[in-house]
């Protein structure tokens, strides 16, 4: 992400740390490159998202 935004990695890491601490996403290491950390939604976040999409709005 830092490469895409053309910023230092620490600039991207700080905002990502907040949702990691709260739990909606988790970081998984890339099996092909241990230096790469990929963000994935947690099962709880997916459930909340799915539930909110199926709730009708008026």
PDB file of N, CA and C in Angstrom:
ATOM      1  N   UNK A   1       0.819  -1.178   0.000  1.00  0.00           N
ATOM      2  CA  UNK A   1       0.000   0.000   0.000  1.00  0.00           C
ATOM      3  C   UNK A   1       0.873   1.256   0.000  1.00  0.00           C
ATOM      4  N   UNK A   2       1.953   1.199   0.761  1.00  0.00           N
ATOM      5  CA  UNK A   2       2.853   2.353   0.808  1.00  0.00           C
ATOM      6  C   UNK A   2       3.434   2.656  -0.565  1.00  0.00           C
ATOM      7  N   UNK A   3       3.773   1.619  -1.298  1.00  0.00           N
ATOM      8  CA  UNK A   3       4.304   1.824  -2.651  1.00  0.00           C
ATOM      9  C   UNK A   3       3.273   2.490  -3.548  1.00  0.00           C
ATOM     10  N   UNK A   4       2.046   2.035  -3.474  1.00  0.00           N
ATOM     11  CA  UNK A   4       0.978   2.609  -4.300  1.00  0.00           C
ATOM     12  C   UNK A   4       0.752   4.077  -3.962  1.00  0.00           C
ATOM     13  N   UNK A   5       0.752   4.388  -2.661  1.00  0.00           N
ATOM     14  CA  UNK A   5       0.525   5.761  -2.221  1.00  0.00           C
ATOM     15  C   UNK A   5       1.777   6.626  -2.291  1.00  0.00           C
ATOM     16  N   UNK A   6       2.911   5.968  -2.559  1.00  0.00           N
ATOM     17  CA  UNK A   6       4.204   6.656  -2.629  1.00  0.00           C
ATOM     18  C   UNK A   6       4.529   7.390  -1.328  1.00  0.00           C
ATOM     19  N   UNK A   7       4.386   6.651  -0.223  1.00  0.00           N
ATOM     20  CA  UNK A   7       4.727   7.180   1.102  1.00  0.00           C
ATOM     21  C   UNK A   7       5.574   6.138   1.826  1.00  0.00           C
ATOM     22  N   UNK A   8       6.137   6.528   2.952  1.00  0.00           N
ATOM     23  CA  UNK A   8       6.922   5.615   3.769  1.00  0.00           C
ATOM     24  C   UNK A   8       5.989   4.579   4.413  1.00  0.00           C
ATOM     25  N   UNK A   9       6.453   3.352   4.591  1.00  0.00           N
ATOM     26  CA  UNK A   9       5.612   2.309   5.191  1.00  0.00           C
ATOM     27  C   UNK A   9       5.046   2.671   6.566  1.00  0.00           C
ATOM     28  N   UNK A  10       5.783   3.431   7.371  1.00  0.00           N
ATOM     29  CA  UNK A  10       5.267   3.790   8.692  1.00  0.00           C
ATOM     30  C   UNK A  10       4.041   4.684   8.600  1.00  0.00           C
ATOM     31  N   UNK A  11       3.926   5.469   7.538  1.00  0.00           N
ATOM     32  CA  UNK A  11       2.761   6.333   7.352  1.00  0.00           C
ATOM     33  C   UNK A  11       1.498   5.482   7.181  1.00  0.00           C
ATOM     34  N   UNK A  12       1.625   4.356   6.513  1.00  0.00           N
ATOM     35  CA  UNK A  12       0.490   3.462   6.288  1.00  0.00           C
ATOM     36  C   UNK A  12       0.245   2.578   7.503  1.00  0.00           C
ATOM     37  N   UNK A  13       1.301   2.187   8.194  1.00  0.00           N
ATOM     38  CA  UNK A  13       1.170   1.239   9.305  1.00  0.00           C
ATOM     39  C   UNK A  13       0.363   1.803  10.465  1.00  0.00           C
ATOM     40  N   UNK A  14       0.525   3.057  10.792  1.00  0.00           N
ATOM     41  CA  UNK A  14      -0.179   3.625  11.952  1.00  0.00           C
ATOM     42  C   UNK A  14      -1.699   3.563  11.803  1.00  0.00           C
ATOM     43  N   UNK A  15      -2.281   4.029  10.692  1.00  0.00           N
ATOM     44  CA  UNK A  15      -3.746   3.928  10.576  1.00  0.00           C
ATOM     45  C   UNK A  15      -4.248   2.482  10.504  1.00  0.00           C
ATOM     46  N   UNK A  16      -3.433   1.581   9.995  1.00  0.00           N
ATOM     47  CA  UNK A  16      -3.834   0.174   9.907  1.00  0.00           C
ATOM     48  C   UNK A  16      -3.829  -0.470  11.292  1.00  0.00           C
ATOM     49  N   UNK A  17      -2.966  -0.006  12.191  1.00  0.00           N
ATOM     50  CA  UNK A  17      -2.886  -0.586  13.528  1.00  0.00           C
ATOM     51  C   UNK A  17      -4.183  -0.417  14.319  1.00  0.00           C
ATOM     52  N   UNK A  18      -4.920   0.655  14.088  1.00  0.00           N
ATOM     53  CA  UNK A  18      -6.166   0.883  14.842  1.00  0.00           C
ATOM     54  C   UNK A  18      -7.202  -0.203  14.589  1.00  0.00           C
ATOM     55  N   UNK A  19      -7.571  -0.491  13.316  1.00  0.00           N
ATOM     56  CA  UNK A  19      -8.547  -1.568  13.123  1.00  0.00           C
ATOM     57  C   UNK A  19      -7.997  -2.935  13.533  1.00  0.00           C
ATOM     58  N   UNK A  20      -6.696  -3.132  13.433  1.00  0.00           N
ATOM     59  CA  UNK A  20      -6.116  -4.393  13.898  1.00  0.00           C
ATOM     60  C   UNK A  20      -6.341  -4.544  15.395  1.00  0.00           C
ATOM     61  N   UNK A  21      -6.179  -3.474  16.137  1.00  0.00           N
ATOM     62  CA  UNK A  21      -6.369  -3.518  17.591  1.00  0.00           C
ATOM     63  C   UNK A  21      -7.836  -3.714  17.964  1.00  0.00           C
ATOM     64  N   UNK A  22      -8.749  -3.147  17.169  1.00  0.00           N
ATOM     65  CA  UNK A  22     -10.189  -3.264  17.461  1.00  0.00           C
ATOM     66  C   UNK A  22     -10.771  -4.595  17.006  1.00  0.00           C
ATOM     67  N   UNK A  23     -10.121  -5.260  16.059  1.00  0.00           N
ATOM     68  CA  UNK A  23     -10.554  -6.585  15.682  1.00  0.00           C
ATOM     69  C   UNK A  23     -11.274  -6.798  14.370  1.00  0.00           C
ATOM     70  N   UNK A  24     -11.640  -5.775  13.584  1.00  0.00           N
ATOM     71  CA  UNK A  24     -12.346  -6.082  12.344  1.00  0.00           C
ATOM     72  C   UNK A  24     -11.450  -6.650  11.245  1.00  0.00           C
ATOM     73  N   UNK A  25     -10.147  -6.480  11.390  1.00  0.00           N
ATOM     74  CA  UNK A  25      -9.221  -7.054  10.408  1.00  0.00           C
ATOM     75  C   UNK A  25      -8.088  -7.754  11.134  1.00  0.00           C
ATOM     76  N   UNK A  26      -7.457  -8.675  10.431  1.00  0.00           N
ATOM     77  CA  UNK A  26      -6.284  -9.357  10.964  1.00  0.00           C
ATOM     78  C   UNK A  26      -5.202  -9.345   9.896  1.00  0.00           C
ATOM     79  N   UNK A  27      -3.965  -9.394  10.350  1.00  0.00           N
ATOM     80  CA  UNK A  27      -2.826  -9.406   9.429  1.00  0.00           C
ATOM     81  C   UNK A  27      -2.340 -10.843   9.301  1.00  0.00           C
ATOM     82  N   UNK A  28      -2.184 -11.272   8.064  1.00  0.00           N
ATOM     83  CA  UNK A  28      -1.638 -12.610   7.783  1.00  0.00           C
ATOM     84  C   UNK A  28      -0.397 -12.440   6.920  1.00  0.00           C
ATOM     85  N   UNK A  29       0.607 -13.245   7.238  1.00  0.00           N
ATOM     86  CA  UNK A  29       1.836 -13.200   6.439  1.00  0.00           C
ATOM     87  C   UNK A  29       1.613 -13.900   5.110  1.00  0.00           C
ATOM     88  N   UNK A  30       2.177 -13.322   4.080  1.00  0.00           N
ATOM     89  CA  UNK A  30       2.142 -13.935   2.748  1.00  0.00           C
ATOM     90  C   UNK A  30       3.034 -15.175   2.785  1.00  0.00           C
ATOM     91  N   UNK A  31       2.529 -16.345   2.382  1.00  0.00           N
ATOM     92  CA  UNK A  31       3.355 -17.545   2.441  1.00  0.00           C
ATOM     93  C   UNK A  31       4.565 -17.496   1.504  1.00  0.00           C
ATOM     94  N   UNK A  32       4.484 -16.688   0.476  1.00  0.00           N
ATOM     95  CA  UNK A  32       5.600 -16.582  -0.468  1.00  0.00           C
ATOM     96  C   UNK A  32       6.598 -15.496  -0.109  1.00  0.00           C
ATOM     97  N   UNK A  33       6.203 -14.559   0.740  1.00  0.00           N
ATOM     98  CA  UNK A  33       7.081 -13.452   1.119  1.00  0.00           C
ATOM     99  C   UNK A  33       6.763 -13.054   2.548  1.00  0.00           C
ATOM    100  N   UNK A  34       7.551 -13.522   3.493  1.00  0.00           N
ATOM    101  CA  UNK A  34       7.272 -13.284   4.916  1.00  0.00           C
ATOM    102  C   UNK A  34       7.342 -11.808   5.297  1.00  0.00           C
ATOM    103  N   UNK A  35       7.912 -10.972   4.453  1.00  0.00           N
ATOM    104  CA  UNK A  35       7.966  -9.537   4.735  1.00  0.00           C
ATOM    105  C   UNK A  35       6.638  -8.855   4.453  1.00  0.00           C
ATOM    106  N   UNK A  36       5.780  -9.528   3.706  1.00  0.00           N
ATOM    107  CA  UNK A  36       4.499  -8.951   3.305  1.00  0.00           C
ATOM    108  C   UNK A  36       3.433  -9.364   4.301  1.00  0.00           C
ATOM    109  N   UNK A  37       2.691  -8.393   4.804  1.00  0.00           N
ATOM    110  CA  UNK A  37       1.556  -8.670   5.668  1.00  0.00           C
ATOM    111  C   UNK A  37       0.281  -8.266   4.946  1.00  0.00           C
ATOM    112  N   UNK A  38      -0.632  -9.197   4.793  1.00  0.00           N
ATOM    113  CA  UNK A  38      -1.891  -8.918   4.097  1.00  0.00           C
ATOM    114  C   UNK A  38      -3.000  -8.769   5.122  1.00  0.00           C
ATOM    115  N   UNK A  39      -3.890  -7.823   4.878  1.00  0.00           N
ATOM    116  CA  UNK A  39      -5.018  -7.594   5.776  1.00  0.00           C
ATOM    117  C   UNK A  39      -6.228  -8.368   5.291  1.00  0.00           C
ATOM    118  N   UNK A  40      -6.900  -9.023   6.217  1.00  0.00           N
ATOM    119  CA  UNK A  40      -8.096  -9.807   5.908  1.00  0.00           C
ATOM    120  C   UNK A  40      -9.169  -9.480   6.937  1.00  0.00           C
ATOM    121  N   UNK A  41     -10.428  -9.401   6.519  1.00  0.00           N
ATOM    122  CA  UNK A  41     -11.489  -9.192   7.508  1.00  0.00           C
ATOM    123  C   UNK A  41     -11.625 -10.427   8.397  1.00  0.00           C
ATOM    124  N   UNK A  42     -11.928 -10.204   9.661  1.00  0.00           N
ATOM    125  CA  UNK A  42     -12.156 -11.321  10.570  1.00  0.00           C
ATOM    126  C   UNK A  42     -13.539 -11.907  10.293  1.00  0.00           C
ATOM    127  N   UNK A  43     -13.788 -13.144  10.711  1.00  0.00           N
ATOM    128  CA  UNK A  43     -15.128 -13.714  10.535  1.00  0.00           C
ATOM    129  C   UNK A  43     -16.228 -12.854  11.162  1.00  0.00           C
ATOM    130  N   UNK A  44     -15.955 -12.255  12.311  1.00  0.00           N
ATOM    131  CA  UNK A  44     -16.949 -11.393  12.957  1.00  0.00           C
ATOM    132  C   UNK A  44     -17.258 -10.167  12.098  1.00  0.00           C
ATOM    133  N   UNK A  45     -16.242  -9.591  11.486  1.00  0.00           N
ATOM    134  CA  UNK A  45     -16.458  -8.426  10.621  1.00  0.00           C
ATOM    135  C   UNK A  45     -17.266  -8.806   9.387  1.00  0.00           C
ATOM    136  N   UNK A  46     -17.000  -9.975   8.835  1.00  0.00           N
ATOM    137  CA  UNK A  46     -17.755 -10.437   7.669  1.00  0.00           C
ATOM    138  C   UNK A  46     -19.213 -10.652   8.052  1.00  0.00           C
ATOM    139  N   UNK A  47     -19.454 -11.241   9.220  1.00  0.00           N
ATOM    140  CA  UNK A  47     -20.832 -11.458   9.681  1.00  0.00           C
ATOM    141  C   UNK A  47     -21.570 -10.139   9.853  1.00  0.00           C
ATOM    142  N   UNK A  48     -20.912  -9.171  10.478  1.00  0.00           N
ATOM    143  CA  UNK A  48     -21.552  -7.850  10.667  1.00  0.00           C
ATOM    144  C   UNK A  48     -21.843  -7.197   9.326  1.00  0.00           C
ATOM    145  N   UNK A  49     -20.902  -7.295   8.409  1.00  0.00           N
ATOM    146  CA  UNK A  49     -21.089  -6.692   7.089  1.00  0.00           C
ATOM    147  C   UNK A  49     -22.241  -7.355   6.348  1.00  0.00           C
ATOM    148  N   UNK A  50     -22.282  -8.677   6.380  1.00  0.00           N
ATOM    149  CA  UNK A  50     -23.344  -9.418   5.705  1.00  0.00           C
ATOM    150  C   UNK A  50     -24.699  -9.076   6.318  1.00  0.00           C
ATOM    151  N   UNK A  51     -24.750  -8.995   7.631  1.00  0.00           N
ATOM    152  CA  UNK A  51     -26.003  -8.659   8.322  1.00  0.00           C
ATOM    153  C   UNK A  51     -26.465  -7.255   7.974  1.00  0.00           C
ATOM    154  N   UNK A  52     -25.535  -6.312   7.904  1.00  0.00           N
ATOM    155  CA  UNK A  52     -25.929  -4.928   7.605  1.00  0.00           C
ATOM    156  C   UNK A  52     -26.392  -4.777   6.149  1.00  0.00           C
ATOM    157  N   UNK A  53     -25.859  -5.605   5.250  1.00  0.00           N
ATOM    158  CA  UNK A  53     -26.279  -5.529   3.842  1.00  0.00           C
ATOM    159  C   UNK A  53     -27.655  -6.143   3.650  1.00  0.00           C
ATOM    160  N   UNK A  54     -28.038  -7.081   4.510  1.00  0.00           N
ATOM    161  CA  UNK A  54     -29.335  -7.719   4.344  1.00  0.00           C
ATOM    162  C   UNK A  54     -30.449  -7.000   5.094  1.00  0.00           C
ATOM    163  N   UNK A  55     -30.094  -6.000   5.897  1.00  0.00           N
ATOM    164  CA  UNK A  55     -31.087  -5.228   6.628  1.00  0.00           C
ATOM    165  C   UNK A  55     -31.647  -4.146   5.711  1.00  0.00           C
ATOM    166  N   UNK A  56     -32.972  -4.158   5.498  1.00  0.00           N
ATOM    167  CA  UNK A  56     -33.551  -3.126   4.618  1.00  0.00           C
ATOM    168  C   UNK A  56     -33.479  -1.743   5.259  1.00  0.00           C
ATOM    169  N   UNK A  57     -33.255  -0.751   4.435  1.00  0.00           N
ATOM    170  CA  UNK A  57     -33.251   0.642   4.903  1.00  0.00           C
ATOM    171  C   UNK A  57     -34.465   1.344   4.316  1.00  0.00           C
ATOM    172  N   UNK A  58     -34.933   2.339   5.050  1.00  0.00           N
ATOM    173  CA  UNK A  58     -36.111   3.049   4.537  1.00  0.00           C
ATOM    174  C   UNK A  58     -35.763   4.410   4.013  1.00  0.00           C
TER     175      UNK A  58
END
